[in-house]
Amino acid sequence: MQIKALEEELGMTLFDRAGKKIKMTDAGKLLLQHSAHALKDLQQAKASIEELRTEQRGSLRIGIALPELEEPLQEMLIHFHQSFPKVSLHIHPSFDVTEQLLDNRVDVGITLHSGTDERLVQLPLRTEKYCLVVPVEHVFSNRTSITLDELRHVPWAMQPECHPGRKLIEKCFRDRGYPFATVLETNSIPSILRWVQEGLAVTLQTESLAAELDRSQFCTVPILCGVLQGQLELIYQSGRYQGEALKRLIEKIQAVLTVRSN
């Protein structure tokens, strides 16, 4: 009955019914050929959609508000790619990670906590404490600690004003009525350290970053009476569907940025 309805719709005979024998017509053979291709395409489409559903392919976008964290994450990202080779990773350095996340420009973000947002899931990672970094021959290099009052008039090499850590530091100085004058502003940690090494400036960086520095070139001094610290967190949109790859990425970022804490 379905075949006859299809013949009527096509206006062509698909089967030649001669007595008890049924023979496929040229139109029937052509339809079978195209149907086989369509079935194969459908099967491939279903397989591709299943891969996409489990995120075995596609892309994941990571917003990082602290560019200096990209290097510590590299080994983890390589291992992630080995587990999900068809998933492309896109790193987006941006100081407005929250805005990018809410605009669906990134899938997950790493930043310093700046307040609770009900639109987001905010997972605390670790506390980022800031310390003074000076060259080994600097007058402060042998100090076991230092106060912000002693740092009021030193030249600074720092990240730009919109960097979350820089905002935290500058607010701490401003609240005390202290000036904060920079001679270099850049996102490049090697450039900042070069200026420090040359004795042109000093800098305030996280203890986790300072722990990786060459002790023959740099000294780190804890800040006393006015601890500079912020809560590093991983964020993503509340209610967002999480495929397997995104779940694994979140787990791996949590592990790396917690284990590396001092």
C-alpha atoms as a PDB file:
ATOM      1  CA  MET A   1       0.000   0.000   0.000  1.00  0.00           C
ATOM      2  CA  GLN A   2       2.864   2.374   0.854  1.00  0.00           C
ATOM      3  CA  ILE A   3       4.635   1.530  -2.416  1.00  0.00           C
ATOM      4  CA  LYS A   4       1.492   2.299  -4.435  1.00  0.00           C
ATOM      5  CA  ALA A   5       1.104   5.635  -2.594  1.00  0.00           C
ATOM      6  CA  LEU A   6       4.737   6.443  -3.372  1.00  0.00           C
ATOM      7  CA  GLU A   7       4.213   5.565  -7.052  1.00  0.00           C
ATOM      8  CA  GLU A   8       1.212   7.849  -7.186  1.00  0.00           C
ATOM      9  CA  GLU A   9       3.216  10.669  -5.556  1.00  0.00           C
ATOM     10  CA  LEU A  10       6.113  10.212  -7.986  1.00  0.00           C
ATOM     11  CA  GLY A  11       3.872   9.556 -11.008  1.00  0.00           C
ATOM     12  CA  MET A  12       6.106   6.608 -11.936  1.00  0.00           C
ATOM     13  CA  THR A  13       5.856   2.831 -11.631  1.00  0.00           C
ATOM     14  CA  LEU A  14       8.520   1.434  -9.360  1.00  0.00           C
ATOM     15  CA  PHE A  15       7.793  -2.262  -9.819  1.00  0.00           C
ATOM     16  CA  ASP A  16       6.671  -4.098 -12.948  1.00  0.00           C
ATOM     17  CA  ARG A  17       4.100  -6.593 -11.791  1.00  0.00           C
ATOM     18  CA  ALA A  18       3.830  -9.208 -14.534  1.00  0.00           C
ATOM     19  CA  GLY A  19       1.807 -12.096 -13.198  1.00  0.00           C
ATOM     20  CA  LYS A  20       3.434 -13.564 -10.134  1.00  0.00           C
ATOM     21  CA  LYS A  21       6.803 -11.992 -10.948  1.00  0.00           C
ATOM     22  CA  ILE A  22       7.732  -8.557  -9.669  1.00  0.00           C
ATOM     23  CA  LYS A  23      10.556  -6.721 -11.379  1.00  0.00           C
ATOM     24  CA  MET A  24      12.024  -3.368 -10.378  1.00  0.00           C
ATOM     25  CA  THR A  25      11.678  -0.701 -13.038  1.00  0.00           C
ATOM     26  CA  ASP A  26      14.399   1.782 -13.966  1.00  0.00           C
ATOM     27  CA  ALA A  27      12.619   4.372 -11.814  1.00  0.00           C
ATOM     28  CA  GLY A  28      12.612   1.909  -8.917  1.00  0.00           C
ATOM     29  CA  LYS A  29      16.331   1.217  -9.343  1.00  0.00           C
ATOM     30  CA  LEU A  30      17.061   4.945  -9.390  1.00  0.00           C
ATOM     31  CA  LEU A  31      15.027   5.519  -6.238  1.00  0.00           C
ATOM     32  CA  LEU A  32      16.816   2.625  -4.495  1.00  0.00           C
ATOM     33  CA  GLN A  33      20.190   4.053  -5.429  1.00  0.00           C
ATOM     34  CA  HIS A  34      19.362   7.491  -4.026  1.00  0.00           C
ATOM     35  CA  SER A  35      17.713   5.982  -0.964  1.00  0.00           C
ATOM     36  CA  ALA A  36      20.906   4.047  -0.177  1.00  0.00           C
ATOM     37  CA  HIS A  37      22.929   7.255  -0.373  1.00  0.00           C
ATOM     38  CA  ALA A  38      20.391   9.083   1.797  1.00  0.00           C
ATOM     39  CA  LEU A  39      20.485   6.309   4.401  1.00  0.00           C
ATOM     40  CA  LYS A  40      24.262   6.396   4.463  1.00  0.00           C
ATOM     41  CA  ASP A  41      24.246  10.180   4.832  1.00  0.00           C
ATOM     42  CA  LEU A  42      21.709   9.916   7.648  1.00  0.00           C
ATOM     43  CA  GLN A  43      23.846   7.364   9.466  1.00  0.00           C
ATOM     44  CA  GLN A  44      26.910   9.590   9.118  1.00  0.00           C
ATOM     45  CA  ALA A  45      24.922  12.597  10.324  1.00  0.00           C
ATOM     46  CA  LYS A  46      23.706  10.676  13.372  1.00  0.00           C
ATOM     47  CA  ALA A  47      27.268   9.583  14.147  1.00  0.00           C
ATOM     48  CA  SER A  48      28.521  13.175  13.822  1.00  0.00           C
ATOM     49  CA  ILE A  49      25.721  14.489  16.056  1.00  0.00           C
ATOM     50  CA  GLU A  50      26.549  11.826  18.639  1.00  0.00           C
ATOM     51  CA  GLU A  51      30.200  12.888  18.565  1.00  0.00           C
ATOM     52  CA  LEU A  52      29.118  16.492  18.999  1.00  0.00           C
ATOM     53  CA  ARG A  53      26.729  15.542  21.802  1.00  0.00           C
ATOM     54  CA  THR A  54      29.564  13.895  23.743  1.00  0.00           C
ATOM     55  CA  GLU A  55      31.870  16.703  22.575  1.00  0.00           C
ATOM     56  CA  GLN A  56      34.325  14.299  20.990  1.00  0.00           C
ATOM     57  CA  ARG A  57      34.609  17.010  18.353  1.00  0.00           C
ATOM     58  CA  GLY A  58      33.900  20.731  18.138  1.00  0.00           C
ATOM     59  CA  SER A  59      35.623  23.495  20.093  1.00  0.00           C
ATOM     60  CA  LEU A  60      35.978  24.816  23.621  1.00  0.00           C
ATOM     61  CA  ARG A  61      36.782  28.451  24.396  1.00  0.00           C
ATOM     62  CA  ILE A  62      38.655  29.349  27.590  1.00  0.00           C
ATOM     63  CA  GLY A  63      38.709  32.935  28.842  1.00  0.00           C
ATOM     64  CA  ILE A  64      41.722  33.777  31.020  1.00  0.00           C
ATOM     65  CA  ALA A  65      41.704  37.108  32.846  1.00  0.00           C
ATOM     66  CA  LEU A  66      45.242  36.579  34.162  1.00  0.00           C
ATOM     67  CA  PRO A  67      47.436  35.957  31.079  1.00  0.00           C
ATOM     68  CA  GLU A  68      50.299  34.732  33.273  1.00  0.00           C
ATOM     69  CA  LEU A  69      48.226  31.607  34.024  1.00  0.00           C
ATOM     70  CA  GLU A  70      48.321  30.419  30.411  1.00  0.00           C
ATOM     71  CA  GLU A  71      51.853  29.019  30.710  1.00  0.00           C
ATOM     72  CA  PRO A  72      51.149  26.908  33.856  1.00  0.00           C
ATOM     73  CA  LEU A  73      48.119  25.431  32.057  1.00  0.00           C
ATOM     74  CA  GLN A  74      50.013  24.334  28.919  1.00  0.00           C
ATOM     75  CA  GLU A  75      50.904  20.809  30.037  1.00  0.00           C
ATOM     76  CA  MET A  76      47.325  20.157  31.129  1.00  0.00           C
ATOM     77  CA  LEU A  77      45.976  21.455  27.805  1.00  0.00           C
ATOM     78  CA  ILE A  78      48.311  19.132  25.887  1.00  0.00           C
ATOM     79  CA  HIS A  79      47.073  16.135  27.885  1.00  0.00           C
ATOM     80  CA  PHE A  80      43.481  17.242  27.339  1.00  0.00           C
ATOM     81  CA  HIS A  81      44.051  17.410  23.569  1.00  0.00           C
ATOM     82  CA  GLN A  82      45.467  13.893  23.642  1.00  0.00           C
ATOM     83  CA  SER A  83      42.243  12.688  25.295  1.00  0.00           C
ATOM     84  CA  PHE A  84      39.989  14.721  22.973  1.00  0.00           C
ATOM     85  CA  PRO A  85      41.980  15.104  19.721  1.00  0.00           C
ATOM     86  CA  LYS A  86      38.960  16.302  17.707  1.00  0.00           C
ATOM     87  CA  VAL A  87      38.160  19.125  20.124  1.00  0.00           C
ATOM     88  CA  SER A  88      39.939  22.376  19.260  1.00  0.00           C
ATOM     89  CA  LEU A  89      40.910  24.680  22.126  1.00  0.00           C
ATOM     90  CA  HIS A  90      40.711  28.455  21.855  1.00  0.00           C
ATOM     91  CA  ILE A  91      42.419  30.548  24.556  1.00  0.00           C
ATOM     92  CA  HIS A  92      40.968  34.046  24.945  1.00  0.00           C
ATOM     93  CA  PRO A  93      43.107  36.357  27.135  1.00  0.00           C
ATOM     94  CA  SER A  94      40.658  38.973  28.337  1.00  0.00           C
ATOM     95  CA  PHE A  95      40.194  41.093  31.424  1.00  0.00           C
ATOM     96  CA  ASP A  96      36.401  40.969  30.884  1.00  0.00           C
ATOM     97  CA  VAL A  97      35.980  37.194  31.136  1.00  0.00           C
ATOM     98  CA  THR A  98      32.621  37.484  32.905  1.00  0.00           C
ATOM     99  CA  GLU A  99      31.212  39.645  30.131  1.00  0.00           C
ATOM    100  CA  GLN A 100      32.552  37.272  27.470  1.00  0.00           C
ATOM    101  CA  LEU A 101      31.017  34.336  29.301  1.00  0.00           C
ATOM    102  CA  LEU A 102      27.572  35.932  29.536  1.00  0.00           C
ATOM    103  CA  ASP A 103      27.769  36.890  25.840  1.00  0.00           C
ATOM    104  CA  ASN A 104      28.560  33.246  24.959  1.00  0.00           C
ATOM    105  CA  ARG A 105      31.960  34.211  23.550  1.00  0.00           C
ATOM    106  CA  VAL A 106      33.735  31.748  25.868  1.00  0.00           C
ATOM    107  CA  ASP A 107      32.598  28.492  27.485  1.00  0.00           C
ATOM    108  CA  VAL A 108      34.552  28.714  30.736  1.00  0.00           C
ATOM    109  CA  GLY A 109      36.608  31.426  32.404  1.00  0.00           C
ATOM    110  CA  ILE A 110      39.379  31.903  34.959  1.00  0.00           C
ATOM    111  CA  THR A 111      39.522  35.157  36.897  1.00  0.00           C
ATOM    112  CA  LEU A 112      39.766  36.713  40.352  1.00  0.00           C
ATOM    113  CA  HIS A 113      36.562  36.840  42.371  1.00  0.00           C
ATOM    114  CA  SER A 114      34.938  40.273  42.221  1.00  0.00           C
ATOM    115  CA  GLY A 115      31.497  39.486  43.633  1.00  0.00           C
ATOM    116  CA  THR A 116      28.742  36.882  43.485  1.00  0.00           C
ATOM    117  CA  ASP A 117      26.730  36.598  40.256  1.00  0.00           C
ATOM    118  CA  GLU A 118      23.642  34.349  40.236  1.00  0.00           C
ATOM    119  CA  ARG A 119      23.994  33.875  36.485  1.00  0.00           C
ATOM    120  CA  LEU A 120      27.281  32.064  37.021  1.00  0.00           C
ATOM    121  CA  VAL A 121      28.660  28.965  38.673  1.00  0.00           C
ATOM    122  CA  GLN A 122      31.740  30.207  40.548  1.00  0.00           C
ATOM    123  CA  LEU A 123      34.172  27.511  41.659  1.00  0.00           C
ATOM    124  CA  PRO A 124      36.939  28.701  44.027  1.00  0.00           C
ATOM    125  CA  LEU A 125      40.388  27.484  42.975  1.00  0.00           C
ATOM    126  CA  ARG A 126      42.995  28.973  45.289  1.00  0.00           C
ATOM    127  CA  THR A 127      43.967  32.157  47.080  1.00  0.00           C
ATOM    128  CA  GLU A 128      46.456  34.226  45.116  1.00  0.00           C
ATOM    129  CA  LYS A 129      48.785  36.098  47.478  1.00  0.00           C
ATOM    130  CA  TYR A 130      50.996  38.832  46.051  1.00  0.00           C
ATOM    131  CA  CYS A 131      54.602  39.431  47.054  1.00  0.00           C
ATOM    132  CA  LEU A 132      57.343  41.874  46.140  1.00  0.00           C
ATOM    133  CA  VAL A 133      59.829  40.733  43.477  1.00  0.00           C
ATOM    134  CA  VAL A 134      63.208  42.495  43.329  1.00  0.00           C
ATOM    135  CA  PRO A 135      66.632  41.748  41.784  1.00  0.00           C
ATOM    136  CA  VAL A 136      69.138  39.974  44.044  1.00  0.00           C
ATOM    137  CA  GLU A 137      71.253  43.125  44.479  1.00  0.00           C
ATOM    138  CA  HIS A 138      68.291  45.314  45.496  1.00  0.00           C
ATOM    139  CA  VAL A 139      68.232  47.068  48.868  1.00  0.00           C
ATOM    140  CA  PHE A 140      65.119  45.053  49.833  1.00  0.00           C
ATOM    141  CA  SER A 141      66.508  41.657  48.739  1.00  0.00           C
ATOM    142  CA  ASN A 142      67.533  40.541  52.253  1.00  0.00           C
ATOM    143  CA  ARG A 143      64.280  41.553  53.903  1.00  0.00           C
ATOM    144  CA  THR A 144      62.078  38.848  55.443  1.00  0.00           C
ATOM    145  CA  SER A 145      59.019  41.077  55.010  1.00  0.00           C
ATOM    146  CA  ILE A 146      58.075  44.601  53.978  1.00  0.00           C
ATOM    147  CA  THR A 147      55.169  47.016  54.491  1.00  0.00           C
ATOM    148  CA  LEU A 148      53.219  48.920  51.874  1.00  0.00           C
ATOM    149  CA  ASP A 149      54.328  52.147  53.540  1.00  0.00           C
ATOM    150  CA  GLU A 150      57.918  51.355  52.482  1.00  0.00           C
ATOM    151  CA  LEU A 151      56.815  50.854  48.889  1.00  0.00           C
ATOM    152  CA  ARG A 152      55.047  54.170  48.360  1.00  0.00           C
ATOM    153  CA  HIS A 153      57.653  55.733  46.086  1.00  0.00           C
ATOM    154  CA  VAL A 154      59.279  52.821  44.236  1.00  0.00           C
ATOM    155  CA  PRO A 155      58.986  52.538  40.423  1.00  0.00           C
ATOM    156  CA  TRP A 156      56.724  49.698  39.341  1.00  0.00           C
ATOM    157  CA  ALA A 157      56.735  47.352  36.358  1.00  0.00           C
ATOM    158  CA  MET A 158      53.222  45.871  36.271  1.00  0.00           C
ATOM    159  CA  GLN A 159      50.399  44.449  34.213  1.00  0.00           C
ATOM    160  CA  PRO A 160      47.934  47.031  32.758  1.00  0.00           C
ATOM    161  CA  GLU A 161      45.346  48.779  34.947  1.00  0.00           C
ATOM    162  CA  CYS A 162      42.520  46.515  33.722  1.00  0.00           C
ATOM    163  CA  HIS A 163      44.328  43.360  34.909  1.00  0.00           C
ATOM    164  CA  PRO A 164      42.360  41.928  37.909  1.00  0.00           C
ATOM    165  CA  GLY A 165      45.495  41.558  40.033  1.00  0.00           C
ATOM    166  CA  ARG A 166      46.657  45.070  39.213  1.00  0.00           C
ATOM    167  CA  LYS A 167      43.214  46.429  40.184  1.00  0.00           C
ATOM    168  CA  LEU A 168      43.467  44.632  43.531  1.00  0.00           C
ATOM    169  CA  ILE A 169      46.949  45.991  44.207  1.00  0.00           C
ATOM    170  CA  GLU A 170      46.211  49.554  43.162  1.00  0.00           C
ATOM    171  CA  LYS A 171      43.035  49.648  45.272  1.00  0.00           C
ATOM    172  CA  CYS A 172      45.027  48.541  48.301  1.00  0.00           C
ATOM    173  CA  PHE A 173      47.491  51.406  47.779  1.00  0.00           C
ATOM    174  CA  ARG A 174      44.741  53.916  46.985  1.00  0.00           C
ATOM    175  CA  ASP A 175      42.787  52.995  50.149  1.00  0.00           C
ATOM    176  CA  ARG A 176      45.858  53.973  52.152  1.00  0.00           C
ATOM    177  CA  GLY A 177      46.375  57.182  50.220  1.00  0.00           C
ATOM    178  CA  TYR A 178      49.613  55.929  48.656  1.00  0.00           C
ATOM    179  CA  PRO A 179      50.666  56.710  45.058  1.00  0.00           C
ATOM    180  CA  PHE A 180      51.285  53.901  42.588  1.00  0.00           C
ATOM    181  CA  ALA A 181      53.549  55.041  39.754  1.00  0.00           C
ATOM    182  CA  THR A 182      54.489  52.649  36.956  1.00  0.00           C
ATOM    183  CA  VAL A 183      57.419  52.922  34.565  1.00  0.00           C
ATOM    184  CA  LEU A 184      56.290  49.885  32.533  1.00  0.00           C
ATOM    185  CA  GLU A 185      52.874  48.338  31.910  1.00  0.00           C
ATOM    186  CA  THR A 186      52.614  45.139  29.889  1.00  0.00           C
ATOM    187  CA  ASN A 187      51.011  41.688  29.944  1.00  0.00           C
ATOM    188  CA  SER A 188      54.391  40.146  29.205  1.00  0.00           C
ATOM    189  CA  ILE A 189      55.836  38.635  32.377  1.00  0.00           C
ATOM    190  CA  PRO A 190      59.288  38.191  30.738  1.00  0.00           C
ATOM    191  CA  SER A 191      59.319  41.926  29.924  1.00  0.00           C
ATOM    192  CA  ILE A 192      58.330  42.865  33.482  1.00  0.00           C
ATOM    193  CA  LEU A 193      61.035  40.610  34.907  1.00  0.00           C
ATOM    194  CA  ARG A 194      63.639  41.994  32.523  1.00  0.00           C
ATOM    195  CA  TRP A 195      62.996  45.525  33.808  1.00  0.00           C
ATOM    196  CA  VAL A 196      63.212  44.252  37.384  1.00  0.00           C
ATOM    197  CA  GLN A 197      66.422  42.366  36.634  1.00  0.00           C
ATOM    198  CA  GLU A 198      67.950  45.516  35.134  1.00  0.00           C
ATOM    199  CA  GLY A 199      67.113  47.447  38.305  1.00  0.00           C
ATOM    200  CA  LEU A 200      64.698  49.774  36.509  1.00  0.00           C
ATOM    201  CA  ALA A 201      61.654  48.790  38.589  1.00  0.00           C
ATOM    202  CA  VAL A 202      60.233  46.314  41.085  1.00  0.00           C
ATOM    203  CA  THR A 203      57.016  44.362  40.769  1.00  0.00           C
ATOM    204  CA  LEU A 204      54.258  42.679  42.765  1.00  0.00           C
ATOM    205  CA  GLN A 205      53.348  39.211  41.488  1.00  0.00           C
ATOM    206  CA  THR A 206      51.578  36.147  42.843  1.00  0.00           C
ATOM    207  CA  GLU A 207      53.486  33.801  45.111  1.00  0.00           C
ATOM    208  CA  SER A 208      52.711  30.935  42.726  1.00  0.00           C
ATOM    209  CA  LEU A 209      54.434  32.817  39.887  1.00  0.00           C
ATOM    210  CA  ALA A 210      57.288  33.979  42.131  1.00  0.00           C
ATOM    211  CA  ALA A 211      57.967  30.379  43.184  1.00  0.00           C
ATOM    212  CA  GLU A 212      58.982  29.603  39.591  1.00  0.00           C
ATOM    213  CA  LEU A 213      61.589  32.390  39.358  1.00  0.00           C
ATOM    214  CA  ASP A 214      65.337  31.882  39.167  1.00  0.00           C
ATOM    215  CA  ARG A 215      66.609  32.454  42.723  1.00  0.00           C
ATOM    216  CA  SER A 216      69.999  33.489  41.379  1.00  0.00           C
ATOM    217  CA  GLN A 217      68.319  36.447  39.653  1.00  0.00           C
ATOM    218  CA  PHE A 218      65.345  37.404  41.831  1.00  0.00           C
ATOM    219  CA  CYS A 219      64.312  37.630  45.476  1.00  0.00           C
ATOM    220  CA  THR A 220      60.746  37.613  46.787  1.00  0.00           C
ATOM    221  CA  VAL A 221      59.636  39.498  49.891  1.00  0.00           C
ATOM    222  CA  PRO A 222      56.276  38.886  51.663  1.00  0.00           C
ATOM    223  CA  ILE A 223      54.038  41.907  52.278  1.00  0.00           C
ATOM    224  CA  LEU A 224      53.406  42.686  55.962  1.00  0.00           C
ATOM    225  CA  CYS A 225      50.444  44.597  57.396  1.00  0.00           C
ATOM    226  CA  GLY A 226      48.213  44.814  54.358  1.00  0.00           C
ATOM    227  CA  VAL A 227      48.282  41.394  52.734  1.00  0.00           C
ATOM    228  CA  LEU A 228      47.498  41.579  49.026  1.00  0.00           C
ATOM    229  CA  GLN A 229      45.449  38.604  47.968  1.00  0.00           C
ATOM    230  CA  GLY A 230      42.530  37.585  45.766  1.00  0.00           C
ATOM    231  CA  GLN A 231      40.428  34.474  45.269  1.00  0.00           C
ATOM    232  CA  LEU A 232      41.097  32.772  41.948  1.00  0.00           C
ATOM    233  CA  GLU A 233      37.979  31.114  40.556  1.00  0.00           C
ATOM    234  CA  LEU A 234      36.726  29.153  37.588  1.00  0.00           C
ATOM    235  CA  ILE A 235      33.393  30.334  36.185  1.00  0.00           C
ATOM    236  CA  TYR A 236      30.807  29.204  33.656  1.00  0.00           C
ATOM    237  CA  GLN A 237      27.165  29.982  32.940  1.00  0.00           C
ATOM    238  CA  SER A 238      24.603  28.571  35.344  1.00  0.00           C
ATOM    239  CA  GLY A 239      22.379  25.959  33.722  1.00  0.00           C
ATOM    240  CA  ARG A 240      24.730  25.500  30.762  1.00  0.00           C
ATOM    241  CA  TYR A 241      24.732  22.012  29.203  1.00  0.00           C
ATOM    242  CA  GLN A 242      28.069  20.315  29.862  1.00  0.00           C
ATOM    243  CA  GLY A 243      29.308  17.665  27.462  1.00  0.00           C
ATOM    244  CA  GLU A 244      31.946  15.159  28.469  1.00  0.00           C
ATOM    245  CA  ALA A 245      34.847  17.252  27.148  1.00  0.00           C
ATOM    246  CA  LEU A 246      33.775  20.405  29.007  1.00  0.00           C
ATOM    247  CA  LYS A 247      33.316  18.440  32.236  1.00  0.00           C
ATOM    248  CA  ARG A 248      36.807  16.979  31.882  1.00  0.00           C
ATOM    249  CA  LEU A 249      38.307  20.382  31.095  1.00  0.00           C
ATOM    250  CA  ILE A 250      36.742  21.921  34.207  1.00  0.00           C
ATOM    251  CA  GLU A 251      38.053  19.039  36.349  1.00  0.00           C
ATOM    252  CA  LYS A 252      41.569  19.372  34.925  1.00  0.00           C
ATOM    253  CA  ILE A 253      41.704  23.153  35.424  1.00  0.00           C
ATOM    254  CA  GLN A 254      40.541  22.699  39.023  1.00  0.00           C
ATOM    255  CA  ALA A 255      43.228  20.082  39.639  1.00  0.00           C
ATOM    256  CA  VAL A 256      46.080  22.116  38.148  1.00  0.00           C
ATOM    257  CA  LEU A 257      45.230  25.465  39.722  1.00  0.00           C
ATOM    258  CA  THR A 258      44.682  23.891  43.122  1.00  0.00           C
ATOM    259  CA  VAL A 259      47.663  21.544  43.197  1.00  0.00           C
ATOM    260  CA  ARG A 260      50.022  24.359  42.181  1.00  0.00           C
ATOM    261  CA  SER A 261      48.957  26.461  45.167  1.00  0.00           C
ATOM    262  CA  ASN A 262      51.718  27.131  47.699  1.00  0.00           C
END
